Amino acid sequence: MRFLVDEAVSWKIASALNNAAYNALHVRGCGLGGYDDEVIFEHAAREERIIVTQDMDFVSLLHRLQSTRPSVVLLRMRDGRPEVQAHRLIAALPIISESLSWRDRNRQR
């Protein structure tokens, strides 16, 4: 799976995903820092990346555009420490991966 970690989420989440053998970019690392959500949304869709965010606006965009892609993982946890969020996200991915995957479910992470 390929991820695009939103600006509102720590870059440490992207790092932890990469360390767990996923492909993750942080928006600041790919030149999208400060861009509107619509631009980030389109970039994620174009690159077939799953958005990891704390921002409900991406969920609203999915609804407004009546789209199912890109998938959005919304991190809403009481404990906002990046290491805790990363651990819980990585632990959940095997369970939710089929729901997040693009058309080719056999694609390597």
Protein backbone atom coordinates (compact mmCIF):
# COMPACT_ATOMS: atom_id res chain seq x y z
CA MET A 1 0.00 0.00 0.00
CA ARG A 2 1.04 3.54 -0.75
CA PHE A 3 0.29 6.40 1.62
CA LEU A 4 0.30 10.18 1.55
CA VAL A 5 0.48 11.57 5.09
CA ASP A 6 -1.25 14.92 5.48
CA GLU A 7 0.38 18.01 6.94
CA ALA A 8 -1.73 17.84 10.12
CA VAL A 9 -0.13 14.46 10.89
CA SER A 10 3.45 14.10 12.07
CA TRP A 11 6.10 13.12 9.55
CA LYS A 12 6.97 10.39 12.05
CA ILE A 13 3.87 8.49 10.88
CA ALA A 14 5.25 8.38 7.33
CA SER A 15 8.62 7.28 8.68
CA ALA A 16 7.04 4.49 10.75
CA LEU A 17 5.03 3.29 7.74
CA ASN A 18 8.20 3.18 5.65
CA ASN A 19 10.01 1.29 8.42
CA ALA A 20 7.16 -1.23 8.38
CA ALA A 21 7.79 -1.83 4.64
CA TYR A 22 4.96 0.38 3.36
CA ASN A 23 5.47 3.18 0.86
CA ALA A 24 4.67 6.49 2.53
CA LEU A 25 5.32 10.14 1.75
CA HIS A 26 4.60 13.15 3.90
CA VAL A 27 3.07 16.10 2.02
CA ARG A 28 5.94 18.35 3.08
CA GLY A 29 8.46 15.85 1.71
CA CYS A 30 6.89 15.84 -1.74
CA GLY A 31 6.44 19.59 -2.10
CA LEU A 32 2.74 19.77 -1.17
CA GLY A 33 3.11 21.47 2.20
CA GLY A 34 0.65 24.35 2.50
CA TYR A 35 -1.41 23.29 -0.51
CA ASP A 36 -5.22 23.12 -0.44
CA ASP A 37 -6.83 19.82 0.47
CA GLU A 38 -8.19 19.50 -3.09
CA VAL A 39 -4.65 19.54 -4.53
CA ILE A 40 -3.47 16.93 -2.01
CA PHE A 41 -6.58 14.85 -2.73
CA GLU A 42 -5.95 14.94 -6.50
CA HIS A 43 -2.27 14.11 -6.02
CA ALA A 44 -3.13 11.11 -3.84
CA ALA A 45 -5.68 9.88 -6.39
CA ARG A 46 -3.26 10.31 -9.28
CA GLU A 47 -0.50 8.40 -7.46
CA GLU A 48 -2.90 5.82 -6.01
CA ARG A 49 -2.01 6.76 -2.44
CA ILE A 50 -4.13 6.44 0.67
CA ILE A 51 -4.42 9.71 2.58
CA VAL A 52 -3.59 9.55 6.29
CA THR A 53 -5.04 12.59 8.03
CA GLN A 54 -6.67 14.09 11.10
CA ASP A 55 -8.66 16.45 8.87
CA MET A 56 -12.36 15.71 8.28
CA ASP A 57 -12.17 17.84 5.10
CA PHE A 58 -10.84 14.87 3.13
CA VAL A 59 -13.87 12.80 4.14
CA SER A 60 -16.07 15.70 3.05
CA LEU A 61 -14.26 15.83 -0.29
CA LEU A 62 -14.94 12.14 -0.87
CA HIS A 63 -18.61 12.72 -0.16
CA ARG A 64 -18.91 15.93 -2.20
CA LEU A 65 -17.18 14.39 -5.22
CA GLN A 66 -19.09 11.12 -4.76
CA SER A 67 -15.76 9.33 -5.01
CA THR A 68 -14.38 6.18 -3.48
CA ARG A 69 -10.77 7.06 -4.22
CA PRO A 70 -8.40 7.94 -2.82
CA SER A 71 -9.08 6.09 0.38
CA VAL A 72 -8.75 8.13 3.56
CA VAL A 73 -7.56 6.94 6.96
CA LEU A 74 -8.78 9.36 9.60
CA LEU A 75 -6.67 9.30 12.77
CA ARG A 76 -8.88 10.24 15.70
CA MET A 77 -7.19 9.14 18.92
CA ARG A 78 -7.07 10.55 22.41
CA ASP A 79 -3.36 9.87 22.54
CA GLY A 80 -1.91 12.10 19.84
CA ARG A 81 1.69 10.98 20.23
CA PRO A 82 3.01 10.02 16.79
CA GLU A 83 4.55 6.78 18.04
CA VAL A 84 1.20 5.66 19.47
CA GLN A 85 -0.71 6.67 16.35
CA ALA A 86 1.80 4.90 14.10
CA HIS A 87 1.73 1.74 16.18
CA ARG A 88 -2.09 1.56 16.12
CA LEU A 89 -2.29 2.37 12.42
CA ILE A 90 0.27 -0.26 11.45
CA ALA A 91 -1.45 -2.82 13.68
CA ALA A 92 -4.81 -2.09 12.00
CA LEU A 93 -3.57 -2.19 8.40
CA PRO A 94 -3.73 -5.98 7.95
CA ILE A 95 -7.34 -5.88 9.14
CA ILE A 96 -8.48 -2.94 6.98
CA SER A 97 -6.15 -3.36 4.00
CA GLU A 98 -8.74 -4.85 1.66
CA SER A 99 -11.04 -1.87 2.21
CA LEU A 100 -8.19 0.55 1.48
CA SER A 101 -6.62 -1.15 -1.53
CA TRP A 102 -6.81 0.08 -5.07
CA ARG A 103 -8.16 -2.18 -7.82
CA ASP A 104 -5.11 -4.43 -7.85
CA ARG A 105 -5.33 -6.11 -4.47
CA ASN A 106 -2.27 -8.24 -5.22
CA ARG A 107 0.03 -5.25 -5.53
CA GLN A 108 3.04 -5.35 -3.23
CA ARG A 109 3.08 -3.00 -0.30
